[in-house]
Amino acid sequence: MICLGYTTFPFGWYKNTADDTVKELVACEATCLSCLGALATDCMACLPEATTNNAMKLQKLKEPHLIGQCVLECSAGYYQSGDECILCHSECVECDGPFRDDCRSCAEVDGEKPVLHVIQPGNTSGFCLESCEYGAYDEDANRCILNGNPLFSLAFILILRTM
């Protein structure tokens, strides 16, 4: 620990707030460039990874979204956006973005696995619904392909994003 009276701190350190009368800096966890505490899950930014070509990513926690843990690869339920891993929409197990129509696989709801609906046959992401009522069902992939009118597909996505 380093005792200082600074209001700004060098990278890799945070102010110990356990006692307001003591002004000391404490080192962040080894993978953190900046942090709010000593735990690996208290990181606000990650150090560059020196031993691999992969950059460390900040996998943000559910709450609050300011802090997280530094990882080499995003975990299931997260997608990579720049140097961060962001939590997928709650309906997705895997995703390509934050919206309901960015799912690559669907989360179970009440013990049932919803069907992934994709707009075109080549798409890897879509949205999750209970059944395939508006397209062609692919049983092997548990996907529903909405290969039809592009205006219908666009309208469907716009409706989903407002829900």
C-alpha atoms as a PDB file:
ATOM      1  CA  MET A   1       0.000   0.000   0.000  1.00  0.00           C
ATOM      2  CA  ILE A   2       1.107   3.509  -0.788  1.00  0.00           C
ATOM      3  CA  CYS A   3       0.008   6.483   1.331  1.00  0.00           C
ATOM      4  CA  LEU A   4      -0.787   9.522  -0.788  1.00  0.00           C
ATOM      5  CA  GLY A   5      -3.098  12.521  -0.594  1.00  0.00           C
ATOM      6  CA  TYR A   6      -3.891  12.577  -4.339  1.00  0.00           C
ATOM      7  CA  THR A   7      -7.385  12.808  -5.752  1.00  0.00           C
ATOM      8  CA  THR A   8      -6.301  11.102  -9.001  1.00  0.00           C
ATOM      9  CA  PHE A   9      -4.527   7.769  -8.940  1.00  0.00           C
ATOM     10  CA  PRO A  10      -1.910   6.065 -11.108  1.00  0.00           C
ATOM     11  CA  PHE A  11      -3.106   3.228 -13.347  1.00  0.00           C
ATOM     12  CA  GLY A  12      -3.446  -0.061 -11.472  1.00  0.00           C
ATOM     13  CA  TRP A  13      -4.367   1.519  -8.114  1.00  0.00           C
ATOM     14  CA  TYR A  14      -7.552   2.528  -6.306  1.00  0.00           C
ATOM     15  CA  LYS A  15      -8.286   4.489  -3.128  1.00  0.00           C
ATOM     16  CA  ASN A  16      -9.126   2.351  -0.112  1.00  0.00           C
ATOM     17  CA  THR A  17     -12.450   3.756   1.132  1.00  0.00           C
ATOM     18  CA  ALA A  18     -12.762   1.531   4.198  1.00  0.00           C
ATOM     19  CA  ASP A  19     -11.661   4.416   6.414  1.00  0.00           C
ATOM     20  CA  ASP A  20     -12.199   8.030   5.301  1.00  0.00           C
ATOM     21  CA  THR A  21      -9.399   9.265   7.545  1.00  0.00           C
ATOM     22  CA  VAL A  22      -6.765   7.036   5.916  1.00  0.00           C
ATOM     23  CA  LYS A  23      -5.507   8.079   2.495  1.00  0.00           C
ATOM     24  CA  GLU A  24      -3.958   5.016   0.934  1.00  0.00           C
ATOM     25  CA  LEU A  25      -3.812   3.481  -2.490  1.00  0.00           C
ATOM     26  CA  VAL A  26      -4.214  -0.263  -2.982  1.00  0.00           C
ATOM     27  CA  ALA A  27      -3.138  -2.234  -6.067  1.00  0.00           C
ATOM     28  CA  CYS A  28      -5.842  -3.480  -8.450  1.00  0.00           C
ATOM     29  CA  GLU A  29      -6.063  -7.156  -9.395  1.00  0.00           C
ATOM     30  CA  ALA A  30      -3.205  -8.086 -11.759  1.00  0.00           C
ATOM     31  CA  THR A  31      -5.252  -7.991 -15.016  1.00  0.00           C
ATOM     32  CA  CYS A  32      -6.874  -4.596 -14.302  1.00  0.00           C
ATOM     33  CA  LEU A  33      -5.553  -1.321 -15.685  1.00  0.00           C
ATOM     34  CA  SER A  34      -8.019   0.593 -13.497  1.00  0.00           C
ATOM     35  CA  CYS A  35     -10.486  -0.629 -10.885  1.00  0.00           C
ATOM     36  CA  LEU A  36     -12.898   0.197  -8.074  1.00  0.00           C
ATOM     37  CA  GLY A  37     -11.625  -2.522  -5.725  1.00  0.00           C
ATOM     38  CA  ALA A  38      -9.185  -5.406  -5.266  1.00  0.00           C
ATOM     39  CA  LEU A  39     -11.352  -8.205  -6.737  1.00  0.00           C
ATOM     40  CA  ALA A  40     -10.953  -9.507 -10.299  1.00  0.00           C
ATOM     41  CA  THR A  41     -14.586  -8.446 -10.901  1.00  0.00           C
ATOM     42  CA  ASP A  42     -13.872  -4.803  -9.890  1.00  0.00           C
ATOM     43  CA  CYS A  43     -12.056  -3.873 -13.136  1.00  0.00           C
ATOM     44  CA  MET A  44     -12.980  -0.781 -15.155  1.00  0.00           C
ATOM     45  CA  ALA A  45     -10.305  -1.316 -17.856  1.00  0.00           C
ATOM     46  CA  CYS A  46      -7.934  -4.176 -18.684  1.00  0.00           C
ATOM     47  CA  LEU A  47      -4.171  -4.342 -19.074  1.00  0.00           C
ATOM     48  CA  PRO A  48      -2.906  -5.443 -22.475  1.00  0.00           C
ATOM     49  CA  GLU A  49      -2.054  -9.170 -22.414  1.00  0.00           C
ATOM     50  CA  ALA A  50       1.710  -9.426 -22.747  1.00  0.00           C
ATOM     51  CA  THR A  51       1.995 -13.206 -23.212  1.00  0.00           C
ATOM     52  CA  THR A  52      -0.442 -13.704 -26.126  1.00  0.00           C
ATOM     53  CA  ASN A  53      -1.579 -11.913 -29.248  1.00  0.00           C
ATOM     54  CA  ASN A  54      -5.116 -11.766 -27.826  1.00  0.00           C
ATOM     55  CA  ALA A  55      -6.138  -8.525 -26.156  1.00  0.00           C
ATOM     56  CA  MET A  56      -7.877  -8.749 -22.797  1.00  0.00           C
ATOM     57  CA  LYS A  57     -11.549  -7.794 -22.892  1.00  0.00           C
ATOM     58  CA  LEU A  58     -13.610  -6.282 -20.096  1.00  0.00           C
ATOM     59  CA  GLN A  59     -16.568  -8.622 -19.537  1.00  0.00           C
ATOM     60  CA  LYS A  60     -19.097  -6.327 -17.897  1.00  0.00           C
ATOM     61  CA  LEU A  61     -21.181  -7.622 -15.025  1.00  0.00           C
ATOM     62  CA  LYS A  62     -24.961  -7.492 -15.028  1.00  0.00           C
ATOM     63  CA  GLU A  63     -25.096  -4.679 -12.445  1.00  0.00           C
ATOM     64  CA  PRO A  64     -23.512  -2.162 -12.371  1.00  0.00           C
ATOM     65  CA  HIS A  65     -22.379  -1.989 -15.984  1.00  0.00           C
ATOM     66  CA  LEU A  66     -19.273   0.084 -15.185  1.00  0.00           C
ATOM     67  CA  ILE A  67     -17.207  -2.772 -13.797  1.00  0.00           C
ATOM     68  CA  GLY A  68     -16.375  -6.299 -14.849  1.00  0.00           C
ATOM     69  CA  GLN A  69     -13.675  -8.919 -15.184  1.00  0.00           C
ATOM     70  CA  CYS A  70     -10.817  -9.042 -17.694  1.00  0.00           C
ATOM     71  CA  VAL A  71     -10.990 -12.130 -19.926  1.00  0.00           C
ATOM     72  CA  LEU A  72      -9.330 -13.365 -23.114  1.00  0.00           C
ATOM     73  CA  GLU A  73     -12.600 -14.653 -24.626  1.00  0.00           C
ATOM     74  CA  CYS A  74     -16.188 -13.596 -23.965  1.00  0.00           C
ATOM     75  CA  SER A  75     -18.227 -16.159 -22.012  1.00  0.00           C
ATOM     76  CA  ALA A  76     -21.506 -17.677 -23.199  1.00  0.00           C
ATOM     77  CA  GLY A  77     -24.265 -15.098 -22.917  1.00  0.00           C
ATOM     78  CA  TYR A  78     -21.950 -12.215 -23.952  1.00  0.00           C
ATOM     79  CA  TYR A  79     -20.911 -10.745 -27.297  1.00  0.00           C
ATOM     80  CA  GLN A  80     -17.733  -8.858 -28.139  1.00  0.00           C
ATOM     81  CA  SER A  81     -17.956  -5.148 -28.900  1.00  0.00           C
ATOM     82  CA  GLY A  82     -14.508  -3.614 -29.324  1.00  0.00           C
ATOM     83  CA  ASP A  83     -12.510  -4.411 -26.192  1.00  0.00           C
ATOM     84  CA  GLU A  84     -15.585  -5.279 -24.102  1.00  0.00           C
ATOM     85  CA  CYS A  85     -17.845  -8.288 -23.618  1.00  0.00           C
ATOM     86  CA  ILE A  86     -21.457  -7.112 -23.351  1.00  0.00           C
ATOM     87  CA  LEU A  87     -24.328  -9.141 -21.902  1.00  0.00           C
ATOM     88  CA  CYS A  88     -26.738 -10.592 -24.500  1.00  0.00           C
ATOM     89  CA  HIS A  89     -30.485  -9.919 -24.398  1.00  0.00           C
ATOM     90  CA  SER A  90     -32.167 -12.117 -21.759  1.00  0.00           C
ATOM     91  CA  GLU A  91     -33.847 -14.260 -24.452  1.00  0.00           C
ATOM     92  CA  CYS A  92     -30.471 -15.277 -25.947  1.00  0.00           C
ATOM     93  CA  VAL A  93     -27.918 -17.881 -24.846  1.00  0.00           C
ATOM     94  CA  GLU A  94     -25.505 -16.718 -27.568  1.00  0.00           C
ATOM     95  CA  CYS A  95     -25.797 -13.507 -29.596  1.00  0.00           C
ATOM     96  CA  ASP A  96     -24.192 -11.086 -32.038  1.00  0.00           C
ATOM     97  CA  GLY A  97     -25.527  -7.895 -30.401  1.00  0.00           C
ATOM     98  CA  PRO A  98     -27.765  -6.421 -27.682  1.00  0.00           C
ATOM     99  CA  PHE A  99     -31.200  -6.768 -29.316  1.00  0.00           C
ATOM    100  CA  ARG A 100     -33.842  -9.519 -29.297  1.00  0.00           C
ATOM    101  CA  ASP A 101     -33.167 -10.189 -32.994  1.00  0.00           C
ATOM    102  CA  ASP A 102     -29.393 -10.682 -32.422  1.00  0.00           C
ATOM    103  CA  CYS A 103     -29.747 -14.178 -30.880  1.00  0.00           C
ATOM    104  CA  ARG A 104     -27.723 -17.100 -32.267  1.00  0.00           C
ATOM    105  CA  SER A 105     -29.419 -19.514 -29.837  1.00  0.00           C
ATOM    106  CA  CYS A 106     -32.390 -19.149 -27.524  1.00  0.00           C
ATOM    107  CA  ALA A 107     -32.650 -19.416 -23.737  1.00  0.00           C
ATOM    108  CA  GLU A 108     -35.149 -21.852 -22.243  1.00  0.00           C
ATOM    109  CA  VAL A 109     -38.383 -20.406 -20.901  1.00  0.00           C
ATOM    110  CA  ASP A 110     -40.295 -22.519 -18.343  1.00  0.00           C
ATOM    111  CA  GLY A 111     -38.413 -25.655 -19.443  1.00  0.00           C
ATOM    112  CA  GLU A 112     -39.206 -25.094 -23.147  1.00  0.00           C
ATOM    113  CA  LYS A 113     -36.619 -24.076 -25.741  1.00  0.00           C
ATOM    114  CA  PRO A 114     -38.011 -21.416 -28.125  1.00  0.00           C
ATOM    115  CA  VAL A 115     -37.395 -21.556 -31.875  1.00  0.00           C
ATOM    116  CA  LEU A 116     -34.763 -19.238 -33.373  1.00  0.00           C
ATOM    117  CA  HIS A 117     -36.338 -17.240 -36.226  1.00  0.00           C
ATOM    118  CA  VAL A 118     -33.951 -15.993 -38.934  1.00  0.00           C
ATOM    119  CA  ILE A 119     -34.863 -13.613 -41.750  1.00  0.00           C
ATOM    120  CA  GLN A 120     -32.899 -15.322 -44.568  1.00  0.00           C
ATOM    121  CA  PRO A 121     -31.428 -18.848 -44.873  1.00  0.00           C
ATOM    122  CA  GLY A 122     -27.799 -17.591 -44.641  1.00  0.00           C
ATOM    123  CA  ASN A 123     -28.310 -15.551 -41.459  1.00  0.00           C
ATOM    124  CA  THR A 124     -26.847 -16.852 -38.207  1.00  0.00           C
ATOM    125  CA  SER A 125     -28.801 -14.603 -35.844  1.00  0.00           C
ATOM    126  CA  GLY A 126     -32.466 -13.886 -35.325  1.00  0.00           C
ATOM    127  CA  PHE A 127     -35.115 -13.726 -32.611  1.00  0.00           C
ATOM    128  CA  CYS A 128     -36.759 -16.289 -30.345  1.00  0.00           C
ATOM    129  CA  LEU A 129     -40.445 -17.248 -30.399  1.00  0.00           C
ATOM    130  CA  GLU A 130     -42.375 -20.244 -29.043  1.00  0.00           C
ATOM    131  CA  SER A 131     -43.199 -21.740 -32.440  1.00  0.00           C
ATOM    132  CA  CYS A 132     -42.623 -21.332 -36.170  1.00  0.00           C
ATOM    133  CA  GLU A 133     -45.855 -19.839 -37.500  1.00  0.00           C
ATOM    134  CA  TYR A 134     -44.522 -17.528 -40.225  1.00  0.00           C
ATOM    135  CA  GLY A 135     -41.805 -19.477 -42.045  1.00  0.00           C
ATOM    136  CA  ALA A 136     -40.172 -22.787 -42.911  1.00  0.00           C
ATOM    137  CA  TYR A 137     -39.108 -24.875 -39.894  1.00  0.00           C
ATOM    138  CA  ASP A 138     -35.666 -26.544 -39.884  1.00  0.00           C
ATOM    139  CA  GLU A 139     -36.008 -29.273 -37.258  1.00  0.00           C
ATOM    140  CA  ASP A 140     -32.297 -30.197 -37.178  1.00  0.00           C
ATOM    141  CA  ALA A 141     -31.258 -26.633 -36.287  1.00  0.00           C
ATOM    142  CA  ASN A 142     -34.442 -25.708 -34.350  1.00  0.00           C
ATOM    143  CA  ARG A 143     -34.721 -22.647 -36.620  1.00  0.00           C
ATOM    144  CA  CYS A 144     -37.575 -20.975 -38.443  1.00  0.00           C
ATOM    145  CA  ILE A 145     -36.572 -19.263 -41.696  1.00  0.00           C
ATOM    146  CA  LEU A 146     -38.686 -16.227 -42.591  1.00  0.00           C
ATOM    147  CA  ASN A 147     -37.623 -16.238 -46.237  1.00  0.00           C
ATOM    148  CA  GLY A 148     -40.388 -14.047 -47.528  1.00  0.00           C
ATOM    149  CA  ASN A 149     -41.341 -10.455 -48.044  1.00  0.00           C
ATOM    150  CA  PRO A 150     -38.468  -8.184 -46.861  1.00  0.00           C
ATOM    151  CA  LEU A 151     -40.949  -5.537 -45.699  1.00  0.00           C
ATOM    152  CA  PHE A 152     -42.703  -8.122 -43.508  1.00  0.00           C
ATOM    153  CA  SER A 153     -39.329  -9.159 -42.039  1.00  0.00           C
ATOM    154  CA  LEU A 154     -38.307  -5.543 -41.392  1.00  0.00           C
ATOM    155  CA  ALA A 155     -41.665  -4.778 -39.776  1.00  0.00           C
ATOM    156  CA  PHE A 156     -41.277  -7.864 -37.567  1.00  0.00           C
ATOM    157  CA  ILE A 157     -37.837  -6.685 -36.363  1.00  0.00           C
ATOM    158  CA  LEU A 158     -39.065  -3.140 -35.689  1.00  0.00           C
ATOM    159  CA  ILE A 159     -41.951  -4.512 -33.626  1.00  0.00           C
ATOM    160  CA  LEU A 160     -39.573  -6.788 -31.665  1.00  0.00           C
ATOM    161  CA  ARG A 161     -37.171  -3.944 -30.865  1.00  0.00           C
ATOM    162  CA  THR A 162     -39.990  -1.923 -29.285  1.00  0.00           C
ATOM    163  CA  MET A 163     -41.059  -4.791 -26.989  1.00  0.00           C
END
